[in-house]
PDB file of all heavy atoms in Angstrom:
ATOM      1  N   LEU A   1       0.820  -1.225   0.002  1.00  0.00           N
ATOM      2  CA  LEU A   1      -0.015  -0.002   0.006  1.00  0.00           C
ATOM      3  C   LEU A   1       0.843   1.261   0.010  1.00  0.00           C
ATOM      4  O   LEU A   1       0.344   2.362   0.179  1.00  0.00           O
ATOM      5  CB  LEU A   1      -0.914   0.021   1.247  1.00  0.00           C
ATOM      6  CG  LEU A   1      -2.070  -0.980   1.224  1.00  0.00           C
ATOM      7  CD1 LEU A   1      -2.825  -0.898   2.537  1.00  0.00           C
ATOM      8  CD2 LEU A   1      -3.014  -0.708   0.065  1.00  0.00           C
ATOM      9  N   ILE A   2       2.155   1.106  -0.184  1.00  0.00           N
ATOM     10  CA  ILE A   2       3.043   2.281  -0.182  1.00  0.00           C
ATOM     11  C   ILE A   2       3.563   2.515  -1.585  1.00  0.00           C
ATOM     12  O   ILE A   2       4.023   1.577  -2.244  1.00  0.00           O
ATOM     13  CB  ILE A   2       4.186   2.075   0.808  1.00  0.00           C
ATOM     14  CG1 ILE A   2       3.635   1.898   2.233  1.00  0.00           C
ATOM     15  CG2 ILE A   2       5.144   3.259   0.792  1.00  0.00           C
ATOM     16  CD1 ILE A   2       4.693   1.567   3.263  1.00  0.00           C
ATOM     17  N   ASN A   3       3.487   3.759  -2.058  1.00  0.00           N
ATOM     18  CA  ASN A   3       3.995   4.084  -3.366  1.00  0.00           C
ATOM     19  C   ASN A   3       5.443   3.612  -3.498  1.00  0.00           C
ATOM     20  O   ASN A   3       6.229   3.720  -2.585  1.00  0.00           O
ATOM     21  CB  ASN A   3       3.919   5.610  -3.561  1.00  0.00           C
ATOM     22  CG  ASN A   3       4.438   6.029  -4.916  1.00  0.00           C
ATOM     23  OD1 ASN A   3       5.628   6.032  -5.163  1.00  0.00           O
ATOM     24  ND2 ASN A   3       3.526   6.363  -5.796  1.00  0.00           N
ATOM     25  N   ALA A   4       5.767   3.105  -4.675  1.00  0.00           N
ATOM     26  CA  ALA A   4       7.118   2.531  -4.889  1.00  0.00           C
ATOM     27  C   ALA A   4       8.236   3.514  -4.584  1.00  0.00           C
ATOM     28  O   ALA A   4       9.307   3.143  -4.116  1.00  0.00           O
ATOM     29  CB  ALA A   4       7.230   2.019  -6.304  1.00  0.00           C
ATOM     30  N   TRP A   5       7.991   4.814  -4.809  1.00  0.00           N
ATOM     31  CA  TRP A   5       9.038   5.801  -4.515  1.00  0.00           C
ATOM     32  C   TRP A   5       9.290   5.907  -3.015  1.00  0.00           C
ATOM     33  O   TRP A   5      10.397   6.262  -2.622  1.00  0.00           O
ATOM     34  CB  TRP A   5       8.635   7.180  -5.058  1.00  0.00           C
ATOM     35  CG  TRP A   5       8.711   7.273  -6.527  1.00  0.00           C
ATOM     36  CD1 TRP A   5       7.674   7.481  -7.391  1.00  0.00           C
ATOM     37  CD2 TRP A   5       9.877   7.127  -7.363  1.00  0.00           C
ATOM     38  NE1 TRP A   5       8.126   7.466  -8.693  1.00  0.00           N
ATOM     39  CE2 TRP A   5       9.471   7.279  -8.694  1.00  0.00           C
ATOM     40  CE3 TRP A   5      11.211   6.901  -7.063  1.00  0.00           C
ATOM     41  CZ2 TRP A   5      10.374   7.184  -9.755  1.00  0.00           C
ATOM     42  CZ3 TRP A   5      12.125   6.819  -8.137  1.00  0.00           C
ATOM     43  CH2 TRP A   5      11.681   6.940  -9.430  1.00  0.00           C
ATOM     44  N   LEU A   6       8.299   5.600  -2.206  1.00  0.00           N
ATOM     45  CA  LEU A   6       8.493   5.693  -0.775  1.00  0.00           C
ATOM     46  C   LEU A   6       9.179   4.476  -0.189  1.00  0.00           C
ATOM     47  O   LEU A   6       9.658   4.530   0.949  1.00  0.00           O
ATOM     48  CB  LEU A   6       7.142   5.933  -0.066  1.00  0.00           C
ATOM     49  CG  LEU A   6       6.435   7.247  -0.409  1.00  0.00           C
ATOM     50  CD1 LEU A   6       5.114   7.361   0.338  1.00  0.00           C
ATOM     51  CD2 LEU A   6       7.325   8.454  -0.102  1.00  0.00           C
ATOM     52  N   SER A   7       9.247   3.399  -0.940  1.00  0.00           N
ATOM     53  CA  SER A   7       9.928   2.226  -0.395  1.00  0.00           C
ATOM     54  C   SER A   7      11.452   2.369  -0.591  1.00  0.00           C
ATOM     55  O   SER A   7      12.220   1.951   0.253  1.00  0.00           O
ATOM     56  CB  SER A   7       9.432   0.969  -1.095  1.00  0.00           C
ATOM     57  OG  SER A   7       9.764   0.976  -2.453  1.00  0.00           O
ATOM     58  N   GLY A   8      11.850   2.975  -1.725  1.00  0.00           N
ATOM     59  CA  GLY A   8      13.265   3.229  -1.944  1.00  0.00           C
ATOM     60  C   GLY A   8      14.166   2.049  -1.852  1.00  0.00           C
ATOM     61  O   GLY A   8      15.303   2.156  -1.382  1.00  0.00           O
ATOM     62  N   ASP A   9      13.685   0.864  -2.243  1.00  0.00           N
ATOM     63  CA  ASP A   9      14.477  -0.344  -2.059  1.00  0.00           C
ATOM     64  C   ASP A   9      14.901  -0.902  -3.407  1.00  0.00           C
ATOM     65  O   ASP A   9      14.210  -1.727  -4.012  1.00  0.00           O
ATOM     66  CB  ASP A   9      13.653  -1.381  -1.288  1.00  0.00           C
ATOM     67  CG  ASP A   9      14.520  -2.566  -0.873  1.00  0.00           C
ATOM     68  OD1 ASP A   9      15.680  -2.606  -1.262  1.00  0.00           O
ATOM     69  OD2 ASP A   9      14.011  -3.418  -0.098  1.00  0.00           O
ATOM     70  N   SER A  10      16.058  -0.473  -3.911  1.00  0.00           N
ATOM     71  CA  SER A  10      16.517  -0.937  -5.211  1.00  0.00           C
ATOM     72  C   SER A  10      17.009  -2.376  -5.150  1.00  0.00           C
ATOM     73  O   SER A  10      17.061  -3.065  -6.175  1.00  0.00           O
ATOM     74  CB  SER A  10      17.650  -0.031  -5.723  1.00  0.00           C
ATOM     75  OG  SER A  10      18.645   0.111  -4.771  1.00  0.00           O
ATOM     76  N   SER A  11      17.341  -2.900  -3.950  1.00  0.00           N
ATOM     77  CA  SER A  11      17.867  -4.250  -3.822  1.00  0.00           C
ATOM     78  C   SER A  11      16.788  -5.307  -4.148  1.00  0.00           C
ATOM     79  O   SER A  11      17.101  -6.412  -4.508  1.00  0.00           O
ATOM     80  CB  SER A  11      18.393  -4.482  -2.419  1.00  0.00           C
ATOM     81  OG  SER A  11      17.333  -4.400  -1.458  1.00  0.00           O
ATOM     82  N   LYS A  12      15.534  -4.944  -3.998  1.00  0.00           N
ATOM     83  CA  LYS A  12      14.469  -5.893  -4.288  1.00  0.00           C
ATOM     84  C   LYS A  12      13.904  -5.691  -5.702  1.00  0.00           C
ATOM     85  O   LYS A  12      12.836  -6.163  -6.027  1.00  0.00           O
ATOM     86  CB  LYS A  12      13.334  -5.723  -3.268  1.00  0.00           C
ATOM     87  CG  LYS A  12      13.743  -6.140  -1.854  1.00  0.00           C
ATOM     88  CD  LYS A  12      12.586  -5.950  -0.895  1.00  0.00           C
ATOM     89  CE  LYS A  12      13.005  -6.338   0.542  1.00  0.00           C
ATOM     90  NZ  LYS A  12      11.972  -6.051   1.519  1.00  0.00           N
ATOM     91  N   GLY A  13      14.634  -4.947  -6.511  1.00  0.00           N
ATOM     92  CA  GLY A  13      14.192  -4.779  -7.877  1.00  0.00           C
ATOM     93  C   GLY A  13      13.092  -3.754  -8.051  1.00  0.00           C
ATOM     94  O   GLY A  13      12.478  -3.682  -9.121  1.00  0.00           O
ATOM     95  N   ARG A  14      12.807  -2.995  -7.011  1.00  0.00           N
ATOM     96  CA  ARG A  14      11.732  -1.998  -7.119  1.00  0.00           C
ATOM     97  C   ARG A  14      12.186  -0.799  -7.937  1.00  0.00           C
ATOM     98  O   ARG A  14      11.393  -0.142  -8.570  1.00  0.00           O
ATOM     99  CB  ARG A  14      11.283  -1.530  -5.748  1.00  0.00           C
ATOM    100  CG  ARG A  14      10.437  -2.539  -5.012  1.00  0.00           C
ATOM    101  CD  ARG A  14      10.147  -2.049  -3.610  1.00  0.00           C
ATOM    102  NE  ARG A  14       9.168  -2.924  -2.965  1.00  0.00           N
ATOM    103  CZ  ARG A  14       7.855  -2.730  -2.990  1.00  0.00           C
ATOM    104  NH1 ARG A  14       7.357  -1.706  -3.630  1.00  0.00           N
ATOM    105  NH2 ARG A  14       7.048  -3.566  -2.366  1.00  0.00           N
ATOM    106  N   LEU A  15      13.477  -0.497  -7.879  1.00  0.00           N
ATOM    107  CA  LEU A  15      13.999   0.667  -8.614  1.00  0.00           C
ATOM    108  C   LEU A  15      15.122   0.225  -9.540  1.00  0.00           C
ATOM    109  O   LEU A  15      16.017  -0.514  -9.147  1.00  0.00           O
ATOM    110  CB  LEU A  15      14.553   1.709  -7.625  1.00  0.00           C
ATOM    111  CG  LEU A  15      13.544   2.547  -6.839  1.00  0.00           C
ATOM    112  CD1 LEU A  15      14.278   3.441  -5.848  1.00  0.00           C
ATOM    113  CD2 LEU A  15      12.711   3.400  -7.776  1.00  0.00           C
ATOM    114  N   GLU A  16      15.028   0.698 -10.778  1.00  0.00           N
ATOM    115  CA  GLU A  16      16.066   0.396 -11.740  1.00  0.00           C
ATOM    116  C   GLU A  16      16.670   1.739 -12.200  1.00  0.00           C
ATOM    117  O   GLU A  16      15.926   2.710 -12.420  1.00  0.00           O
ATOM    118  CB  GLU A  16      15.529  -0.343 -12.940  1.00  0.00           C
ATOM    119  CG  GLU A  16      14.964  -1.722 -12.608  1.00  0.00           C
ATOM    120  CD  GLU A  16      14.270  -2.376 -13.815  1.00  0.00           C
ATOM    121  OE1 GLU A  16      14.343  -1.785 -14.901  1.00  0.00           O
ATOM    122  OE2 GLU A  16      13.717  -3.466 -13.609  1.00  0.00           O
ATOM    123  N   THR A  17      17.985   1.812 -12.311  1.00  0.00           N
ATOM    124  CA  THR A  17      18.610   3.044 -12.781  1.00  0.00           C
ATOM    125  C   THR A  17      19.391   2.792 -14.077  1.00  0.00           C
ATOM    126  O   THR A  17      19.999   1.727 -14.241  1.00  0.00           O
ATOM    127  CB  THR A  17      19.576   3.639 -11.753  1.00  0.00           C
ATOM    128  OG1 THR A  17      20.581   2.649 -11.431  1.00  0.00           O
ATOM    129  CG2 THR A  17      18.843   4.023 -10.468  1.00  0.00           C
ATOM    130  N   THR A  18      19.326   3.770 -14.972  1.00  0.00           N
ATOM    131  CA  THR A  18      20.012   3.671 -16.267  1.00  0.00           C
ATOM    132  C   THR A  18      20.789   4.961 -16.493  1.00  0.00           C
ATOM    133  O   THR A  18      20.250   6.066 -16.302  1.00  0.00           O
ATOM    134  CB  THR A  18      18.994   3.508 -17.412  1.00  0.00           C
ATOM    135  OG1 THR A  18      18.143   2.405 -17.134  1.00  0.00           O
ATOM    136  CG2 THR A  18      19.695   3.258 -18.738  1.00  0.00           C
ATOM    137  N   HIS A  19      22.066   4.818 -16.903  1.00  0.00           N
ATOM    138  CA  HIS A  19      22.840   6.004 -17.306  1.00  0.00           C
ATOM    139  C   HIS A  19      22.412   6.456 -18.684  1.00  0.00           C
ATOM    140  O   HIS A  19      22.418   5.649 -19.628  1.00  0.00           O
ATOM    141  CB  HIS A  19      24.347   5.680 -17.281  1.00  0.00           C
ATOM    142  CG  HIS A  19      24.928   5.659 -15.898  1.00  0.00           C
ATOM    143  ND1 HIS A  19      25.510   6.744 -15.306  1.00  0.00           N
ATOM    144  CD2 HIS A  19      24.998   4.640 -14.987  1.00  0.00           C
ATOM    145  CE1 HIS A  19      25.925   6.434 -14.102  1.00  0.00           C
ATOM    146  NE2 HIS A  19      25.616   5.153 -13.871  1.00  0.00           N
ATOM    147  N   MET A  20      22.057   7.724 -18.817  1.00  0.00           N
ATOM    148  CA  MET A  20      21.476   8.209 -20.088  1.00  0.00           C
ATOM    149  C   MET A  20      22.496   8.906 -20.995  1.00  0.00           C
ATOM    150  O   MET A  20      22.163   9.218 -22.135  1.00  0.00           O
ATOM    151  CB  MET A  20      20.332   9.209 -19.763  1.00  0.00           C
ATOM    152  CG  MET A  20      19.184   8.599 -19.019  1.00  0.00           C
ATOM    153  SD  MET A  20      18.444   7.174 -19.875  1.00  0.00           S
ATOM    154  CE  MET A  20      17.646   8.039 -21.248  1.00  0.00           C
ATOM    155  N   LEU A  21      23.716   9.122 -20.496  1.00  0.00           N
ATOM    156  CA  LEU A  21      24.722   9.727 -21.365  1.00  0.00           C
ATOM    157  C   LEU A  21      25.768   8.673 -21.734  1.00  0.00           C
ATOM    158  O   LEU A  21      26.053   7.774 -20.937  1.00  0.00           O
ATOM    159  CB  LEU A  21      25.408  10.912 -20.646  1.00  0.00           C
ATOM    160  CG  LEU A  21      24.490  12.119 -20.388  1.00  0.00           C
ATOM    161  CD1 LEU A  21      25.259  13.217 -19.650  1.00  0.00           C
ATOM    162  CD2 LEU A  21      23.917  12.668 -21.694  1.00  0.00           C
ATOM    163  N   PRO A  22      26.344   8.783 -22.915  1.00  0.00           N
ATOM    164  CA  PRO A  22      27.256   7.718 -23.406  1.00  0.00           C
ATOM    165  C   PRO A  22      28.467   7.518 -22.525  1.00  0.00           C
ATOM    166  O   PRO A  22      28.971   6.419 -22.374  1.00  0.00           O
ATOM    167  CB  PRO A  22      27.674   8.220 -24.796  1.00  0.00           C
ATOM    168  CG  PRO A  22      27.311   9.672 -24.832  1.00  0.00           C
ATOM    169  CD  PRO A  22      26.153   9.852 -23.914  1.00  0.00           C
ATOM    170  N   SER A  23      28.976   8.597 -21.900  1.00  0.00           N
ATOM    171  CA  SER A  23      30.123   8.443 -21.007  1.00  0.00           C
ATOM    172  C   SER A  23      30.070   9.585 -20.007  1.00  0.00           C
ATOM    173  O   SER A  23      29.369  10.589 -20.208  1.00  0.00           O
ATOM    174  CB  SER A  23      31.433   8.502 -21.809  1.00  0.00           C
ATOM    175  OG  SER A  23      31.508   9.749 -22.473  1.00  0.00           O
ATOM    176  N   GLN A  24      30.853   9.458 -18.934  1.00  0.00           N
ATOM    177  CA  GLN A  24      30.931  10.518 -17.937  1.00  0.00           C
ATOM    178  C   GLN A  24      31.475  11.760 -18.630  1.00  0.00           C
ATOM    179  O   GLN A  24      32.479  11.695 -19.332  1.00  0.00           O
ATOM    180  CB  GLN A  24      31.858  10.138 -16.791  1.00  0.00           C
ATOM    181  CG  GLN A  24      31.396   8.897 -15.999  1.00  0.00           C
ATOM    182  CD  GLN A  24      30.179   9.177 -15.119  1.00  0.00           C
ATOM    183  OE1 GLN A  24      29.059   8.981 -15.542  1.00  0.00           O
ATOM    184  NE2 GLN A  24      30.429   9.620 -13.922  1.00  0.00           N
ATOM    185  N   THR A  25      30.793  12.862 -18.468  1.00  0.00           N
ATOM    186  CA  THR A  25      31.189  14.110 -19.107  1.00  0.00           C
ATOM    187  C   THR A  25      31.419  15.153 -18.032  1.00  0.00           C
ATOM    188  O   THR A  25      31.498  14.846 -16.853  1.00  0.00           O
ATOM    189  CB  THR A  25      30.119  14.525 -20.125  1.00  0.00           C
ATOM    190  OG1 THR A  25      30.473  15.797 -20.679  1.00  0.00           O
ATOM    191  CG2 THR A  25      28.742  14.656 -19.481  1.00  0.00           C
ATOM    192  N   LEU A  26      31.562  16.378 -18.431  1.00  0.00           N
ATOM    193  CA  LEU A  26      31.626  17.461 -17.455  1.00  0.00           C
ATOM    194  C   LEU A  26      30.278  17.594 -16.768  1.00  0.00           C
ATOM    195  O   LEU A  26      29.283  17.019 -17.231  1.00  0.00           O
ATOM    196  CB  LEU A  26      32.031  18.763 -18.129  1.00  0.00           C
ATOM    197  CG  LEU A  26      33.463  18.809 -18.729  1.00  0.00           C
ATOM    198  CD1 LEU A  26      33.653  20.063 -19.543  1.00  0.00           C
ATOM    199  CD2 LEU A  26      34.488  18.761 -17.600  1.00  0.00           C
ATOM    200  N   SER A  27      30.203  18.375 -15.725  1.00  0.00           N
ATOM    201  CA  SER A  27      28.990  18.517 -14.939  1.00  0.00           C
ATOM    202  C   SER A  27      27.724  18.687 -15.780  1.00  0.00           C
ATOM    203  O   SER A  27      27.699  19.508 -16.726  1.00  0.00           O
ATOM    204  CB  SER A  27      29.121  19.745 -14.015  1.00  0.00           C
ATOM    205  OG  SER A  27      27.915  19.983 -13.321  1.00  0.00           O
ATOM    206  N   VAL A  28      26.706  17.910 -15.461  1.00  0.00           N
ATOM    207  CA  VAL A  28      25.401  18.078 -16.124  1.00  0.00           C
ATOM    208  C   VAL A  28      24.572  18.945 -15.220  1.00  0.00           C
ATOM    209  O   VAL A  28      24.176  18.566 -14.126  1.00  0.00           O
ATOM    210  CB  VAL A  28      24.690  16.720 -16.339  1.00  0.00           C
ATOM    211  CG1 VAL A  28      23.385  16.901 -17.082  1.00  0.00           C
ATOM    212  CG2 VAL A  28      25.622  15.761 -17.111  1.00  0.00           C
TER     213      VAL A  28
END
């Protein structure tokens, strides 16, 4: 009953992160 953003548990596969730039660049 808790919104997925409030669980904040990436270890259980609730959150997935993707790098959107081809390589580390100067400050975005």
